[in-house]
Amino acid sequence: MRKLISVCTAMLILLLSAVAFANTDISRGAVIADGIGAPGQVASNGYRAAKVDAMRNLLEQVSGVRIDSETIVRDSILESDVIKTKINGIVRGAKVVRRYVDEVGCFHVEMELPVYGETNSLASAVIPKMERVSFPEPEVFAAPPVQPSATATAITSTAVTNQDSITTPKKPPYTSNTMSNKPSYVNKPAVTANYTGVIVDCQGLGLETAMAPAIFGPNHKMVYGVQNFSHEQVIANGYVGYSKSVSSGVERAGSNPLIIKAVSVEGFCSPVISDKDAAMLLEANKKTGFLSKGNVVLVK
C-alpha cells in the first residue's frame, strides 16, 4: 500500500511539474492571466489582491513562452538580470482588461500582456538584436543540375563519322554561363500566381508556438526566420501568425495565400518543408515580396 502511495505521489509531482513548466500558447498574440481576491473584503482591497494574484499568474505564463527552438523566456530570466528586470516591469505595466465579482463573492482581475508592440510588450524585453540577412535564392533549394557523364563528354568531343551507329547523348538540364562558367538552373519551379502570403500546415506534427520560429528546408537549411527582419519590425508586429485551420484565422497571409504542407517540425516550433516547396516559396516571394511583410501563418 505504501509503495502504491509513493508511486502515486511521484506521478503527481511529475504531473504538477509538467503543468508548471508547460509552454505558453501565444496564438492570440497576447498572454492573459486571471487573479482572484478572497470574498468578504472592501471592493478596493479585493480587487487589489486580485490584481497582485493576476500579476503573479501572468509572470508564470510569460515565463513559459517559447522564444525559439532552444530558449524559453524562463531561461532568459535565469541567465540575465537585465531581462528579469524588464520582464518584471512589463508585467507590472500589463493592462487590466476585465474585473468582476463572481457568484460566491470572489474578486477577479484579468490582465493582458501583448506579445508584440513597440512599448511594454514581451518581444521588446526578450528578442535580441541580430545581424539582418537576405532571403536565400530559390536555387539553394532547387534540384542541382545534372552534370554530363564522362562517357557523354567523350562522345561529344570525338569526331564521329557514322552518326547512325551511336545514340546522341541527351542534353543536360542546364545551360552554360560563359561569363561565370557556372551552370544556370532551369529546374526552378514556375510560379504564375501572385501570392499574398504563405500558410504552412503543421497539423498533426506537434507544433508549439514561439516568438522567433524559423522555416527550414531539409538538412537545417533556413528558408525564413528572425534574421530576415529588422529588430524594429520583429518587435512591432512579429513575423508569423498562428491558426488552427488553413481556412480560418489566416488573414495575415492575405487573400491568395500559397499553402504548403510541412513534413516535420524541428526544435518544437520550426516547420520543415521539402526542397521543392522551399524553392517554390522563395520563387513566389520574388514576385510579390510577401515574406518581407511577414505574411506567414503557421497552422498547428
Protein backbone atom coordinates (compact mmCIF):
# COMPACT_ATOMS: atom_id res chain seq x y z
CA MET A 1 0.00 0.00 0.00
CA ARG A 2 2.83 2.37 0.94
CA LYS A 3 4.54 1.57 -2.35
CA LEU A 4 1.37 2.41 -4.27
CA ILE A 5 1.04 5.71 -2.40
CA SER A 6 4.68 6.54 -3.15
CA VAL A 7 4.22 5.82 -6.84
CA CYS A 8 1.05 7.93 -6.99
CA THR A 9 2.81 10.78 -5.17
CA ALA A 10 5.72 10.65 -7.61
CA MET A 11 3.35 10.71 -10.58
CA LEU A 12 1.50 13.68 -9.09
CA ILE A 13 4.75 15.58 -8.65
CA LEU A 14 5.71 14.86 -12.25
CA LEU A 15 2.27 15.98 -13.44
CA LEU A 16 2.42 19.21 -11.47
CA SER A 17 5.91 19.86 -12.79
CA ALA A 18 4.72 19.34 -16.36
CA VAL A 19 1.84 21.75 -15.82
CA ALA A 20 4.06 24.33 -14.13
CA PHE A 21 6.60 24.25 -16.95
CA ALA A 22 4.20 23.82 -19.85
CA ASN A 23 4.90 26.13 -22.77
CA THR A 24 2.51 29.05 -23.07
CA ASP A 25 0.49 29.32 -26.28
CA ILE A 26 0.75 32.77 -27.90
CA SER A 27 -1.63 32.13 -30.80
CA ARG A 28 -3.85 35.00 -29.66
CA GLY A 29 -0.99 37.47 -29.76
CA ALA A 30 -1.17 38.13 -26.03
CA VAL A 31 -0.53 36.46 -22.70
CA ILE A 32 -3.59 36.55 -20.45
CA ALA A 33 -3.92 35.72 -16.77
CA ASP A 34 -6.68 35.88 -14.16
CA GLY A 35 -6.24 36.77 -10.50
CA ILE A 36 -8.58 36.14 -7.58
CA GLY A 37 -9.19 38.07 -4.37
CA ALA A 38 -10.98 36.48 -1.42
CA PRO A 39 -14.65 37.40 -0.78
CA GLY A 40 -15.83 39.48 2.16
CA GLN A 41 -13.45 42.40 1.57
CA VAL A 42 -13.98 46.01 0.68
CA ALA A 43 -14.06 46.18 -3.11
CA SER A 44 -10.86 48.20 -3.37
CA ASN A 45 -8.96 45.71 -1.25
CA GLY A 46 -10.49 42.72 -3.04
CA TYR A 47 -9.55 43.99 -6.47
CA ARG A 48 -6.08 44.96 -5.28
CA ALA A 49 -5.49 41.43 -4.03
CA ALA A 50 -6.86 40.01 -7.28
CA LYS A 51 -4.52 42.21 -9.31
CA VAL A 52 -1.48 41.06 -7.33
CA ASP A 53 -2.55 37.46 -7.94
CA ALA A 54 -3.10 38.18 -11.65
CA MET A 55 0.41 39.64 -11.98
CA ARG A 56 1.88 36.56 -10.32
CA ASN A 57 -0.05 34.30 -12.69
CA LEU A 58 0.89 36.48 -15.64
CA LEU A 59 4.57 36.20 -14.77
CA GLU A 60 4.20 32.42 -14.66
CA GLN A 61 2.53 32.42 -18.08
CA VAL A 62 5.14 34.75 -19.56
CA SER A 63 7.95 32.55 -18.25
CA GLY A 64 6.57 29.65 -20.28
CA VAL A 65 6.59 31.46 -23.63
CA ARG A 66 8.98 29.90 -26.13
CA ILE A 67 11.33 32.38 -27.80
CA ASP A 68 12.81 29.96 -30.31
CA SER A 69 13.65 26.28 -30.63
CA GLU A 70 16.28 26.50 -27.91
CA THR A 71 15.09 29.13 -25.45
CA ILE A 72 12.08 29.81 -23.27
CA VAL A 73 11.57 33.15 -21.52
CA ARG A 74 12.22 31.41 -18.20
CA ASP A 75 15.74 30.58 -19.39
CA SER A 76 16.42 34.21 -20.31
CA ILE A 77 15.21 35.40 -16.91
CA LEU A 78 17.56 32.99 -15.15
CA GLU A 79 20.51 33.96 -17.33
CA SER A 80 20.12 37.75 -17.32
CA ASP A 81 19.25 40.17 -14.51
CA VAL A 82 18.59 42.81 -17.16
CA ILE A 83 15.89 40.69 -18.82
CA LYS A 84 14.50 39.76 -15.40
CA THR A 85 14.10 43.45 -14.58
CA LYS A 86 12.48 44.13 -17.96
CA ILE A 87 10.02 41.25 -17.54
CA ASN A 88 9.02 42.42 -14.06
CA GLY A 89 8.47 45.90 -15.44
CA ILE A 90 6.24 44.88 -18.34
CA VAL A 91 4.20 42.56 -16.10
CA ARG A 92 3.56 45.44 -13.68
CA GLY A 93 2.54 47.57 -16.66
CA ALA A 94 0.19 44.95 -18.14
CA LYS A 95 -3.31 46.10 -18.99
CA VAL A 96 -6.33 45.21 -16.87
CA VAL A 97 -8.93 44.11 -19.42
CA ARG A 98 -11.66 42.89 -17.08
CA ARG A 99 -12.65 42.80 -13.43
CA TYR A 100 -15.73 41.39 -11.78
CA VAL A 101 -17.16 39.65 -8.73
CA ASP A 102 -18.30 36.06 -9.20
CA GLU A 103 -21.35 34.31 -7.74
CA VAL A 104 -19.61 33.47 -4.47
CA GLY A 105 -18.22 36.96 -3.94
CA CYS A 106 -14.63 36.43 -5.10
CA PHE A 107 -12.99 39.35 -6.85
CA HIS A 108 -11.47 38.73 -10.27
CA VAL A 109 -8.98 40.77 -12.30
CA GLU A 110 -7.97 39.70 -15.79
CA MET A 111 -4.74 41.15 -17.19
CA GLU A 112 -3.29 41.05 -20.68
CA LEU A 113 0.26 41.50 -21.93
CA PRO A 114 0.80 41.88 -25.70
CA VAL A 115 3.41 39.64 -27.26
CA TYR A 116 4.42 42.28 -29.82
CA GLY A 117 4.43 46.06 -29.78
CA GLU A 118 6.95 48.85 -29.59
CA THR A 119 6.27 49.52 -25.91
CA ASN A 120 5.56 47.25 -22.93
CA SER A 121 5.48 44.06 -24.98
CA LEU A 122 7.11 40.74 -24.31
CA ALA A 123 9.07 40.96 -27.56
CA SER A 124 10.60 44.29 -26.56
CA ALA A 125 12.01 42.64 -23.44
CA VAL A 126 13.40 39.37 -24.78
CA ILE A 127 14.04 39.46 -28.54
CA PRO A 128 17.75 40.18 -29.10
CA LYS A 129 19.13 42.30 -31.89
CA MET A 130 20.96 40.38 -34.60
CA GLU A 131 22.51 40.98 -37.97
CA ARG A 132 19.95 41.02 -40.75
CA VAL A 133 20.38 38.70 -43.74
CA SER A 134 18.60 38.41 -47.08
CA PHE A 135 16.25 35.62 -48.04
CA PRO A 136 18.05 32.76 -49.80
CA GLU A 137 17.73 32.36 -53.54
CA PRO A 138 15.38 29.62 -54.83
CA GLU A 139 18.39 27.95 -56.44
CA VAL A 140 19.63 26.97 -52.99
CA PHE A 141 16.72 24.56 -52.75
CA ALA A 142 16.08 23.77 -56.42
CA ALA A 143 17.45 20.40 -57.53
CA PRO A 144 21.04 20.86 -58.79
CA PRO A 145 21.79 20.44 -62.49
CA VAL A 146 22.87 17.03 -63.75
CA GLN A 147 26.48 17.21 -64.86
CA PRO A 148 27.31 15.36 -68.12
CA SER A 149 28.90 11.98 -67.57
CA ALA A 150 32.45 11.19 -68.66
CA THR A 151 31.07 8.90 -71.37
CA ALA A 152 28.83 11.61 -72.78
CA THR A 153 31.73 14.08 -72.74
CA ALA A 154 33.95 11.63 -74.60
CA ILE A 155 31.32 11.03 -77.25
CA THR A 156 30.67 14.73 -77.86
CA SER A 157 34.38 15.51 -78.08
CA THR A 158 35.20 12.73 -80.55
CA ALA A 159 34.74 13.16 -84.29
CA VAL A 160 32.12 10.65 -85.34
CA THR A 161 31.60 9.91 -88.99
CA ASN A 162 28.86 7.32 -88.73
CA GLN A 163 26.02 9.17 -86.92
CA ASP A 164 23.67 6.20 -87.33
CA SER A 165 25.89 3.94 -85.26
CA ILE A 166 25.59 5.87 -81.99
CA THR A 167 22.91 7.42 -79.82
CA THR A 168 23.26 11.15 -79.42
CA PRO A 169 23.70 11.95 -75.69
CA LYS A 170 20.86 13.82 -74.02
CA LYS A 171 21.39 17.48 -73.31
CA PRO A 172 21.94 18.06 -69.59
CA PRO A 173 19.19 20.10 -67.87
CA TYR A 174 21.15 23.32 -67.64
CA THR A 175 22.69 25.89 -69.92
CA SER A 176 26.26 27.09 -69.82
CA ASN A 177 27.01 30.54 -68.49
CA THR A 178 30.07 31.67 -70.42
CA MET A 179 30.68 34.67 -68.18
CA SER A 180 30.93 32.75 -64.89
CA ASN A 181 31.46 29.24 -66.25
CA LYS A 182 28.69 28.08 -63.92
CA PRO A 183 25.50 26.24 -64.88
CA SER A 184 22.25 28.22 -64.99
CA TYR A 185 19.44 26.36 -63.28
CA VAL A 186 16.41 25.59 -65.37
CA ASN A 187 14.53 23.42 -62.88
CA LYS A 188 13.29 26.19 -60.61
CA PRO A 189 9.53 25.94 -60.06
CA ALA A 190 7.36 28.00 -62.38
CA VAL A 191 5.22 30.32 -60.28
CA THR A 192 2.46 32.04 -62.22
CA ALA A 193 0.16 33.26 -59.42
CA ASN A 194 0.69 36.45 -57.44
CA TYR A 195 0.59 35.08 -53.91
CA THR A 196 -0.12 37.36 -50.97
CA GLY A 197 1.40 35.17 -48.26
CA VAL A 198 2.01 31.60 -47.19
CA ILE A 199 0.24 29.16 -44.91
CA VAL A 200 2.40 26.31 -43.61
CA ASP A 201 0.18 23.44 -42.50
CA CYS A 202 1.77 21.69 -39.50
CA GLN A 203 -1.32 19.88 -38.24
CA GLY A 204 -0.53 16.62 -36.52
CA LEU A 205 3.18 17.42 -36.15
CA GLY A 206 3.08 18.78 -32.61
CA LEU A 207 4.00 22.36 -33.47
CA GLU A 208 4.35 24.73 -30.49
CA THR A 209 4.06 28.50 -30.70
CA ALA A 210 7.17 30.67 -30.44
CA MET A 211 8.12 34.31 -30.81
CA ALA A 212 11.04 33.65 -33.16
CA PRO A 213 10.49 30.39 -35.05
CA ALA A 214 12.03 29.55 -38.41
CA ILE A 215 11.03 27.67 -41.52
CA PHE A 216 13.66 25.17 -42.62
CA GLY A 217 14.26 23.05 -45.64
CA PRO A 218 15.92 19.64 -45.27
CA ASN A 219 19.32 19.49 -43.56
CA HIS A 220 18.62 22.58 -41.45
CA LYS A 221 18.78 24.98 -44.40
CA MET A 222 16.93 28.12 -43.31
CA VAL A 223 14.21 29.43 -45.60
CA TYR A 224 12.67 32.07 -43.35
CA GLY A 225 13.44 33.39 -39.88
CA VAL A 226 14.00 36.26 -37.50
CA GLN A 227 17.31 37.15 -39.18
CA ASN A 228 15.40 38.26 -42.29
CA PHE A 229 13.85 41.20 -40.46
CA SER A 230 14.91 44.35 -38.70
CA HIS A 231 14.73 44.30 -34.92
CA GLU A 232 12.13 47.07 -35.02
CA GLN A 233 9.87 45.10 -37.35
CA VAL A 234 10.05 41.97 -35.21
CA ILE A 235 9.23 43.92 -32.04
CA ALA A 236 6.34 45.83 -33.60
CA ASN A 237 4.45 43.07 -35.41
CA GLY A 238 6.36 39.80 -35.28
CA TYR A 239 6.81 37.87 -38.49
CA VAL A 240 4.49 34.86 -38.10
CA GLY A 241 0.91 34.28 -37.07
CA TYR A 242 -0.80 31.11 -35.86
CA SER A 243 -4.07 29.38 -36.61
CA LYS A 244 -5.75 26.04 -36.03
CA SER A 245 -7.13 25.80 -39.55
CA VAL A 246 -5.93 26.51 -43.09
CA SER A 247 -9.29 28.07 -43.89
CA SER A 248 -9.95 30.39 -40.94
CA GLY A 249 -7.91 32.75 -38.82
CA VAL A 250 -5.33 33.10 -41.58
CA GLU A 251 -5.98 36.70 -42.63
CA ARG A 252 -2.34 37.54 -42.10
CA ALA A 253 -1.49 35.53 -45.23
CA GLY A 254 -3.74 37.70 -47.40
CA SER A 255 -6.44 36.85 -49.91
CA ASN A 256 -4.42 34.49 -52.10
CA PRO A 257 -2.00 32.52 -49.91
CA LEU A 258 0.31 29.76 -51.01
CA ILE A 259 -0.41 26.65 -48.92
CA ILE A 260 2.44 24.31 -48.07
CA LYS A 261 2.35 21.12 -46.00
CA ALA A 262 5.24 20.75 -43.55
CA VAL A 263 6.98 17.39 -43.44
CA SER A 264 8.17 17.69 -39.84
CA VAL A 265 8.88 20.13 -37.01
CA GLU A 266 12.37 20.94 -35.77
CA GLY A 267 13.03 22.09 -32.22
CA PHE A 268 9.33 22.06 -31.26
CA CYS A 269 8.48 25.27 -33.12
CA SER A 270 10.12 25.39 -36.58
CA PRO A 271 8.38 23.75 -39.55
CA VAL A 272 10.49 21.79 -42.03
CA ILE A 273 9.36 21.80 -45.66
CA SER A 274 10.65 19.94 -48.69
CA ASP A 275 13.32 21.35 -51.01
CA LYS A 276 10.71 21.59 -53.76
CA ASP A 277 8.31 23.61 -51.59
CA ALA A 278 11.14 25.80 -50.28
CA ALA A 279 12.18 26.69 -53.82
CA MET A 280 8.57 27.37 -54.78
CA LEU A 281 8.04 29.60 -51.73
CA LEU A 282 11.12 31.68 -52.42
CA GLU A 283 10.32 31.93 -56.13
CA ALA A 284 6.77 33.11 -55.31
CA ASN A 285 8.17 35.66 -52.88
CA LYS A 286 10.30 37.15 -55.65
CA LYS A 287 7.12 38.17 -57.47
CA THR A 288 5.30 39.95 -54.66
CA GLY A 289 7.65 40.18 -51.64
CA PHE A 290 5.11 38.84 -49.13
CA LEU A 291 7.78 37.29 -46.90
CA SER A 292 9.31 40.70 -46.25
CA LYS A 293 5.92 41.78 -44.90
CA GLY A 294 5.70 38.82 -42.52
CA ASN A 295 2.60 37.44 -44.26
CA VAL A 296 3.16 33.96 -42.85
CA VAL A 297 0.74 31.77 -40.88
CA LEU A 298 1.69 28.51 -39.20
CA VAL A 299 -1.23 26.12 -38.66
CA LYS A 300 -0.98 23.99 -35.52
